[in-house]
């Protein structure tokens, strides 16, 4: 921090990974040192240890780690044999990776809308997207339900749509690992769940990383093969076309230590989110949790009146407070994806959200005085 900066304008980190680093400093150093000692840098013993701990944490039978959250999504689609001529229903309001993996396997993403309150996939629009896919001559095969900003989607309603149309459900939990829905942990809410350990995620490593969770023994076997070039009983026996999605041992060692304090950090995130909502709800639309649902608050995202976002962000920036917009362009309007089908009725909620949402600093180490400064600046900007 600039020692000459005034306290009321000193820059605030959007996500303070350094504060967590200080808390875990020696334990992380020792964990990495153990890997440096045995020199098994890819798929070493810490990888299996982490997979066991992750599965136990969320209650899934299998946890299969991989090189990124995108690889986690891709492994599932590859294992299910989804490809050319198939359709996968995706929300329009999400990060590119959700639809990217569908296109990478040769299938067609069909965009559905999201719900106003949760930002998550709207089951009714999802059902319409299935009809749209069939009308386009595609074979609907799967739904990717994204748990946006840390809150699980309405998995019960989405499962009903999937069952009615014989579809596979993949939970894109890149932002929600550690949350719960109807007393069940993320990782157990769909046939397969993909998450990300990107450093900015609630449970993040020191590089890229991801994992897939499933209770399906056969699916787990196939994905473990796919992540190592489709290997069979030995590394030089290829039984299927795979990819290189192996996990780094150092990242596993880091996550083993982070997972030990993850529940405490989730509690802190919830306290911070509640404080934001208490002091901002009278001026803006604050996030709403569905009944029976918890969040890990990967982002704390508010909605502003149309046209107000740029001035709000500028006002906070002038006081050393960063903001971010997730996501400014819905996927159906992105250059790479605009030619793909959109559910009948369009995605009006996704398009409104893209123009109105803005996220405030959120991490487990956001102390109360710093948050009060953010809240005061936000209220001043909103009142102005």
Protein backbone atom coordinates (compact mmCIF):
# COMPACT_ATOMS: atom_id res chain seq x y z
CA UNK A 1 0.00 0.00 0.00
CA UNK A 2 1.22 3.51 -0.77
CA UNK A 3 2.37 4.87 2.61
CA UNK A 4 1.51 8.42 1.53
CA UNK A 5 -2.09 7.57 0.53
CA UNK A 6 -4.77 9.09 2.74
CA UNK A 7 -6.49 6.41 4.87
CA UNK A 8 -9.89 7.18 3.33
CA UNK A 9 -8.64 6.69 -0.24
CA UNK A 10 -6.04 3.96 0.27
CA UNK A 11 -6.68 1.23 -2.32
CA UNK A 12 -8.77 -1.73 -1.18
CA UNK A 13 -8.20 -5.13 -2.84
CA UNK A 14 -11.23 -6.59 -4.58
CA UNK A 15 -10.23 -10.09 -3.41
CA UNK A 16 -7.48 -10.19 -0.79
CA UNK A 17 -5.62 -13.45 -1.38
CA UNK A 18 -2.68 -11.99 0.53
CA UNK A 19 -4.59 -11.94 3.83
CA UNK A 20 -5.28 -15.65 3.58
CA UNK A 21 -1.66 -16.22 2.62
CA UNK A 22 -0.58 -14.58 5.87
CA UNK A 23 -2.94 -16.76 7.89
CA UNK A 24 -1.69 -19.98 6.33
CA UNK A 25 1.87 -18.88 5.57
CA UNK A 26 3.98 -21.49 7.33
CA UNK A 27 1.58 -24.38 6.68
CA UNK A 28 1.52 -23.60 2.96
CA UNK A 29 5.30 -23.31 2.87
CA UNK A 30 5.69 -26.66 4.57
CA UNK A 31 3.14 -28.32 2.27
CA UNK A 32 4.94 -27.08 -0.83
CA UNK A 33 8.29 -28.09 0.66
CA UNK A 34 7.05 -31.68 1.02
CA UNK A 35 6.26 -31.76 -2.69
CA UNK A 36 9.66 -30.29 -3.50
CA UNK A 37 11.11 -33.08 -1.39
CA UNK A 38 9.47 -36.00 -3.17
CA UNK A 39 9.49 -34.33 -6.64
CA UNK A 40 6.25 -35.96 -7.87
CA UNK A 41 5.00 -32.72 -9.36
CA UNK A 42 2.07 -34.05 -11.40
CA UNK A 43 -0.55 -36.40 -9.90
CA UNK A 44 1.62 -36.99 -6.81
CA UNK A 45 0.34 -38.41 -3.51
CA UNK A 46 -1.19 -35.11 -2.38
CA UNK A 47 -3.60 -35.27 -5.33
CA UNK A 48 -5.28 -38.42 -4.06
CA UNK A 49 -5.26 -37.04 -0.50
CA UNK A 50 -7.01 -33.90 -1.69
CA UNK A 51 -9.58 -35.86 -3.71
CA UNK A 52 -10.48 -37.90 -0.64
CA UNK A 53 -10.84 -34.75 1.47
CA UNK A 54 -12.93 -32.92 -1.15
CA UNK A 55 -15.32 -35.85 -1.53
CA UNK A 56 -15.72 -36.11 2.24
CA UNK A 57 -16.32 -32.36 2.54
CA UNK A 58 -19.30 -32.30 0.18
CA UNK A 59 -20.54 -35.87 0.53
CA UNK A 60 -19.83 -37.11 -3.00
CA UNK A 61 -18.58 -40.61 -3.73
CA UNK A 62 -15.89 -39.45 -6.15
CA UNK A 63 -13.79 -36.30 -6.58
CA UNK A 64 -11.63 -36.21 -9.71
CA UNK A 65 -9.22 -33.29 -9.77
CA UNK A 66 -8.05 -31.77 -13.05
CA UNK A 67 -6.11 -28.88 -14.53
CA UNK A 68 -8.88 -26.23 -14.53
CA UNK A 69 -12.56 -25.61 -14.02
CA UNK A 70 -12.98 -25.59 -17.78
CA UNK A 71 -11.36 -29.02 -18.01
CA UNK A 72 -13.76 -30.21 -15.32
CA UNK A 73 -16.75 -29.27 -17.49
CA UNK A 74 -15.10 -30.70 -20.59
CA UNK A 75 -14.31 -34.05 -18.98
CA UNK A 76 -17.97 -34.59 -18.13
CA UNK A 77 -19.20 -33.83 -21.64
CA UNK A 78 -16.51 -36.06 -23.15
CA UNK A 79 -17.33 -38.89 -20.77
CA UNK A 80 -21.01 -38.65 -21.68
CA UNK A 81 -20.19 -38.83 -25.39
CA UNK A 82 -21.86 -35.52 -26.20
CA UNK A 83 -20.95 -34.24 -29.66
CA UNK A 84 -22.08 -33.20 -33.11
CA UNK A 85 -25.86 -32.95 -33.47
CA UNK A 86 -26.43 -32.78 -29.73
CA UNK A 87 -27.77 -29.77 -27.84
CA UNK A 88 -26.80 -28.67 -24.34
CA UNK A 89 -28.96 -26.10 -22.55
CA UNK A 90 -26.91 -23.30 -20.94
CA UNK A 91 -27.84 -20.03 -19.23
CA UNK A 92 -27.06 -16.91 -21.25
CA UNK A 93 -25.88 -15.10 -18.12
CA UNK A 94 -22.64 -16.86 -17.25
CA UNK A 95 -18.93 -16.94 -18.02
CA UNK A 96 -17.82 -18.07 -21.47
CA UNK A 97 -16.45 -21.42 -20.27
CA UNK A 98 -19.96 -22.81 -19.71
CA UNK A 99 -20.85 -22.71 -23.40
CA UNK A 100 -17.26 -22.98 -24.64
CA UNK A 101 -16.92 -26.62 -23.60
CA UNK A 102 -20.15 -27.49 -25.41
CA UNK A 103 -18.80 -26.04 -28.65
CA UNK A 104 -15.42 -27.70 -28.12
CA UNK A 105 -16.96 -31.18 -28.17
CA UNK A 106 -18.87 -30.28 -31.35
CA UNK A 107 -22.27 -29.93 -29.73
CA UNK A 108 -24.55 -26.88 -29.82
CA UNK A 109 -25.19 -24.65 -26.81
CA UNK A 110 -28.80 -23.46 -26.64
CA UNK A 111 -29.21 -20.42 -24.42
CA UNK A 112 -31.92 -20.15 -21.79
CA UNK A 113 -32.75 -17.24 -19.49
CA UNK A 114 -32.08 -16.87 -15.79
CA UNK A 115 -34.26 -15.93 -12.83
CA UNK A 116 -34.38 -12.31 -11.65
CA UNK A 117 -33.82 -13.05 -7.96
CA UNK A 118 -31.06 -15.66 -8.08
CA UNK A 119 -29.32 -14.99 -11.42
CA UNK A 120 -29.54 -18.77 -11.93
CA UNK A 121 -31.04 -20.83 -14.73
CA UNK A 122 -34.81 -20.36 -15.08
CA UNK A 123 -36.40 -23.84 -15.27
CA UNK A 124 -39.27 -22.61 -17.46
CA UNK A 125 -36.90 -21.02 -19.96
CA UNK A 126 -34.81 -24.17 -19.79
CA UNK A 127 -37.81 -26.25 -20.84
CA UNK A 128 -38.50 -23.85 -23.72
CA UNK A 129 -34.86 -24.17 -24.79
CA UNK A 130 -35.33 -27.93 -25.12
CA UNK A 131 -38.23 -27.32 -27.50
CA UNK A 132 -36.15 -24.76 -29.41
CA UNK A 133 -33.33 -27.28 -29.77
CA UNK A 134 -35.61 -29.95 -31.18
CA UNK A 135 -37.18 -27.47 -33.61
CA UNK A 136 -33.66 -26.74 -34.88
CA UNK A 137 -33.10 -30.43 -35.62
CA UNK A 138 -30.83 -30.99 -32.64
CA UNK A 139 -30.97 -33.77 -30.06
CA UNK A 140 -31.11 -32.32 -26.51
CA UNK A 141 -28.71 -34.27 -24.32
CA UNK A 142 -27.85 -32.22 -21.26
CA UNK A 143 -28.44 -29.16 -19.10
CA UNK A 144 -25.59 -27.18 -17.57
CA UNK A 145 -26.98 -25.49 -14.47
CA UNK A 146 -24.67 -22.70 -13.29
CA UNK A 147 -24.63 -21.79 -9.59
CA UNK A 148 -24.08 -18.08 -10.09
CA UNK A 149 -22.04 -16.03 -7.60
CA UNK A 150 -22.03 -18.86 -5.04
CA UNK A 151 -25.73 -19.75 -4.72
CA UNK A 152 -26.92 -23.12 -6.09
CA UNK A 153 -29.50 -23.09 -8.85
CA UNK A 154 -32.98 -24.51 -8.30
CA UNK A 155 -31.77 -28.06 -8.80
CA UNK A 156 -35.06 -29.71 -7.90
CA UNK A 157 -36.93 -27.85 -10.63
CA UNK A 158 -34.10 -28.33 -13.13
CA UNK A 159 -34.01 -32.05 -12.36
CA UNK A 160 -37.74 -32.21 -13.13
CA UNK A 161 -37.13 -30.66 -16.57
CA UNK A 162 -34.25 -33.08 -17.15
CA UNK A 163 -36.32 -36.08 -16.17
CA UNK A 164 -39.20 -35.04 -18.41
CA UNK A 165 -36.89 -34.81 -21.42
CA UNK A 166 -34.37 -37.56 -20.53
CA UNK A 167 -31.46 -35.15 -20.13
CA UNK A 168 -28.23 -35.33 -18.14
CA UNK A 169 -27.58 -32.50 -15.65
CA UNK A 170 -24.11 -31.05 -15.16
CA UNK A 171 -23.80 -28.59 -12.30
CA UNK A 172 -21.35 -25.81 -13.15
CA UNK A 173 -20.29 -25.06 -9.59
CA UNK A 174 -17.21 -23.02 -10.43
CA UNK A 175 -18.39 -20.40 -7.93
CA UNK A 176 -20.43 -22.43 -5.45
CA UNK A 177 -18.41 -25.27 -3.95
CA UNK A 178 -19.11 -25.20 -0.22
CA UNK A 179 -22.72 -24.04 -0.57
CA UNK A 180 -25.82 -26.19 -0.02
CA UNK A 181 -29.30 -26.74 -1.40
CA UNK A 182 -32.09 -28.43 0.59
CA UNK A 183 -29.52 -29.69 3.12
CA UNK A 184 -27.33 -31.24 0.43
CA UNK A 185 -23.86 -30.01 -0.40
CA UNK A 186 -22.80 -28.75 -3.81
CA UNK A 187 -21.14 -31.73 -5.43
CA UNK A 188 -24.14 -33.96 -4.82
CA UNK A 189 -26.93 -31.97 -6.50
CA UNK A 190 -26.55 -33.33 -10.04
CA UNK A 191 -25.26 -36.41 -11.82
CA UNK A 192 -21.93 -34.61 -12.14
CA UNK A 193 -20.61 -31.36 -10.69
CA UNK A 194 -17.66 -29.33 -11.97
CA UNK A 195 -15.85 -26.73 -9.88
CA UNK A 196 -12.88 -24.40 -10.26
CA UNK A 197 -9.92 -23.69 -8.00
CA UNK A 198 -8.89 -20.52 -9.84
CA UNK A 199 -7.17 -18.26 -7.24
CA UNK A 200 -10.10 -15.83 -7.00
CA UNK A 201 -12.63 -18.56 -6.20
CA UNK A 202 -13.77 -19.13 -2.59
CA UNK A 203 -11.57 -22.24 -2.51
CA UNK A 204 -8.71 -21.30 -4.79
CA UNK A 205 -5.20 -22.60 -5.37
CA UNK A 206 -2.08 -20.76 -6.54
CA UNK A 207 -2.70 -21.37 -10.23
CA UNK A 208 -5.35 -23.13 -12.27
CA UNK A 209 -7.18 -26.20 -11.06
CA UNK A 210 -10.56 -27.87 -10.96
CA UNK A 211 -12.49 -30.98 -9.97
CA UNK A 212 -15.47 -33.09 -10.92
CA UNK A 213 -17.75 -34.70 -8.32
CA UNK A 214 -20.02 -37.64 -9.01
CA UNK A 215 -21.62 -40.68 -7.38
CA UNK A 216 -21.51 -42.57 -10.68
CA UNK A 217 -18.72 -45.16 -10.45
CA UNK A 218 -18.57 -45.81 -14.18
CA UNK A 219 -18.50 -42.11 -15.06
CA UNK A 220 -15.66 -41.59 -12.58
CA UNK A 221 -13.59 -44.34 -14.19
CA UNK A 222 -14.03 -42.82 -17.64
CA UNK A 223 -13.14 -39.29 -16.48
CA UNK A 224 -10.00 -40.49 -14.71
CA UNK A 225 -8.95 -42.07 -17.99
CA UNK A 226 -9.84 -39.02 -20.05
CA UNK A 227 -7.80 -36.63 -17.91
CA UNK A 228 -4.65 -38.61 -18.74
CA UNK A 229 -4.90 -38.96 -22.53
CA UNK A 230 -7.51 -41.72 -22.37
CA UNK A 231 -5.16 -44.16 -20.67
CA UNK A 232 -6.12 -47.72 -19.84
CA UNK A 233 -4.40 -49.98 -17.33
CA UNK A 234 -1.04 -48.38 -18.13
CA UNK A 235 -0.03 -44.89 -19.24
CA UNK A 236 0.95 -46.14 -22.69
CA UNK A 237 -2.35 -47.94 -23.34
CA UNK A 238 -4.90 -45.59 -24.91
CA UNK A 239 -8.43 -46.97 -24.66
CA UNK A 240 -10.23 -43.75 -25.65
CA UNK A 241 -9.48 -40.32 -27.05
CA UNK A 242 -8.62 -38.19 -24.03
CA UNK A 243 -6.88 -34.98 -23.11
CA UNK A 244 -4.19 -33.70 -20.76
CA UNK A 245 -6.08 -32.47 -17.71
CA UNK A 246 -3.79 -33.77 -14.96
CA UNK A 247 -3.54 -31.87 -11.68
CA UNK A 248 -0.35 -30.35 -10.29
CA UNK A 249 0.74 -31.77 -6.95
CA UNK A 250 1.82 -28.40 -5.55
CA UNK A 251 -1.68 -27.05 -6.14
CA UNK A 252 -3.14 -30.08 -4.37
CA UNK A 253 -0.84 -29.48 -1.41
CA UNK A 254 -1.99 -25.85 -1.22
CA UNK A 255 -5.66 -26.83 -1.35
CA UNK A 256 -5.29 -29.46 1.36
CA UNK A 257 -4.31 -26.69 3.77
CA UNK A 258 -6.94 -24.25 2.49
CA UNK A 259 -9.72 -26.82 2.80
CA UNK A 260 -8.98 -27.12 6.53
CA UNK A 261 -10.09 -23.50 7.10
CA UNK A 262 -12.71 -23.36 4.35
CA UNK A 263 -15.75 -23.75 6.63
CA UNK A 264 -14.54 -20.86 8.78
CA UNK A 265 -14.05 -18.72 5.68
CA UNK A 266 -17.54 -19.55 4.42
CA UNK A 267 -18.98 -18.36 7.74
CA UNK A 268 -17.01 -15.12 7.41
CA UNK A 269 -18.26 -14.58 3.85
CA UNK A 270 -21.83 -14.97 5.04
CA UNK A 271 -21.36 -12.42 7.82
CA UNK A 272 -19.91 -9.96 5.32
CA UNK A 273 -22.75 -10.54 2.85
CA UNK A 274 -25.34 -10.03 5.58
CA UNK A 275 -23.68 -6.75 6.59
CA UNK A 276 -23.71 -5.49 3.02
CA UNK A 277 -27.38 -6.36 2.61
CA UNK A 278 -28.37 -4.78 5.92
CA UNK A 279 -26.85 -1.42 4.96
CA UNK A 280 -27.60 -1.31 1.23
CA UNK A 281 -31.01 -2.92 0.81
CA UNK A 282 -32.86 0.39 1.16
CA UNK A 283 -31.03 1.87 -1.85
CA UNK A 284 -30.33 -0.96 -4.31
CA UNK A 285 -31.45 -4.47 -5.19
CA UNK A 286 -29.29 -6.76 -3.06
CA UNK A 287 -28.83 -10.52 -3.57
CA UNK A 288 -31.60 -12.80 -2.37
CA UNK A 289 -31.07 -16.39 -1.23
CA UNK A 290 -33.76 -18.89 -2.10
CA UNK A 291 -35.34 -20.70 0.83
CA UNK A 292 -33.31 -23.72 1.87
CA UNK A 293 -30.23 -22.49 -0.01
CA UNK A 294 -26.88 -21.24 1.27
CA UNK A 295 -24.18 -19.39 -0.64
CA UNK A 296 -20.40 -19.13 -0.47
CA UNK A 297 -20.62 -15.60 -1.90
CA UNK A 298 -18.03 -15.90 -4.62
CA UNK A 299 -19.23 -12.40 -5.49
CA UNK A 300 -21.49 -9.93 -3.75
CA UNK A 301 -23.49 -8.52 -6.65
CA UNK A 302 -26.03 -5.73 -6.52
CA UNK A 303 -28.32 -4.34 -9.22
CA UNK A 304 -28.42 -0.65 -10.06
CA UNK A 305 -30.96 1.26 -12.13
CA UNK A 306 -30.18 1.12 -15.84
CA UNK A 307 -27.54 3.66 -16.78
CA UNK A 308 -26.27 4.21 -13.24
CA UNK A 309 -23.44 1.67 -13.15
CA UNK A 310 -20.65 3.66 -14.77
CA UNK A 311 -21.04 6.66 -12.46
CA UNK A 312 -21.30 4.40 -9.41
CA UNK A 313 -18.10 2.55 -10.31
CA UNK A 314 -16.27 5.82 -10.98
CA UNK A 315 -17.35 7.28 -7.64
CA UNK A 316 -16.05 4.25 -5.74
CA UNK A 317 -12.84 4.12 -7.78
CA UNK A 318 -12.12 7.73 -6.82
CA UNK A 319 -12.11 6.57 -3.20
CA UNK A 320 -9.81 3.61 -3.82
CA UNK A 321 -12.63 1.04 -3.91
CA UNK A 322 -12.66 -1.42 -6.82
CA UNK A 323 -15.76 -2.92 -8.40
CA UNK A 324 -16.26 -5.50 -11.14
CA UNK A 325 -18.99 -6.43 -13.59
CA UNK A 326 -19.86 -10.11 -13.95
CA UNK A 327 -21.00 -10.26 -16.77
CA UNK A 328 -21.36 -7.23 -19.08
CA UNK A 329 -22.42 -9.13 -22.21
CA UNK A 330 -24.75 -12.17 -22.16
CA UNK A 331 -23.43 -15.12 -24.13
CA UNK A 332 -26.11 -14.88 -26.82
CA UNK A 333 -24.68 -11.47 -27.77
CA UNK A 334 -21.02 -12.49 -27.71
CA UNK A 335 -19.38 -12.57 -31.14
CA UNK A 336 -18.29 -16.18 -30.77
CA UNK A 337 -21.74 -17.40 -29.64
CA UNK A 338 -24.36 -15.17 -31.25
CA UNK A 339 -25.09 -17.72 -34.01
CA UNK A 340 -26.25 -20.37 -31.52
CA UNK A 341 -29.96 -20.88 -30.74
CA UNK A 342 -31.79 -18.97 -28.01
CA UNK A 343 -34.85 -20.30 -26.18
CA UNK A 344 -38.24 -19.22 -27.45
CA UNK A 345 -39.11 -15.96 -25.68
CA UNK A 346 -35.50 -14.82 -25.63
CA UNK A 347 -33.38 -14.06 -22.58
CA UNK A 348 -34.64 -10.64 -21.41
CA UNK A 349 -33.60 -11.13 -17.78
CA UNK A 350 -30.04 -12.01 -18.79
CA UNK A 351 -29.86 -8.89 -20.94
CA UNK A 352 -31.17 -6.67 -18.15
CA UNK A 353 -28.77 -8.13 -15.62
CA UNK A 354 -25.82 -7.59 -17.94
CA UNK A 355 -26.64 -3.89 -17.97
CA UNK A 356 -27.37 -3.50 -14.25
CA UNK A 357 -25.15 -5.74 -12.09
CA UNK A 358 -22.00 -4.68 -10.30
CA UNK A 359 -19.98 -6.52 -7.67
CA UNK A 360 -18.42 -5.09 -4.51
CA UNK A 361 -15.25 -6.34 -2.80
CA UNK A 362 -15.87 -9.74 -1.20
CA UNK A 363 -13.52 -12.14 0.56
CA UNK A 364 -13.30 -13.85 3.94
CA UNK A 365 -10.80 -11.31 5.31
CA UNK A 366 -12.77 -8.12 4.63
CA UNK A 367 -12.69 -6.54 8.10
CA UNK A 368 -15.59 -4.49 9.42
CA UNK A 369 -13.91 -1.03 9.27
CA UNK A 370 -12.93 -1.59 5.63
CA UNK A 371 -16.40 -2.83 4.77
CA UNK A 372 -17.94 0.18 6.51
CA UNK A 373 -15.84 2.39 4.27
CA UNK A 374 -17.14 0.54 1.18
CA UNK A 375 -20.72 0.79 2.41
CA UNK A 376 -20.39 4.52 3.17
CA UNK A 377 -18.91 5.22 -0.25
CA UNK A 378 -21.62 3.15 -1.91
CA UNK A 379 -24.40 4.95 -0.09
CA UNK A 380 -22.88 8.32 -0.95
CA UNK A 381 -22.62 7.37 -4.62
CA UNK A 382 -26.16 6.02 -4.70
CA UNK A 383 -27.62 9.03 -2.92
CA UNK A 384 -25.81 11.35 -5.30
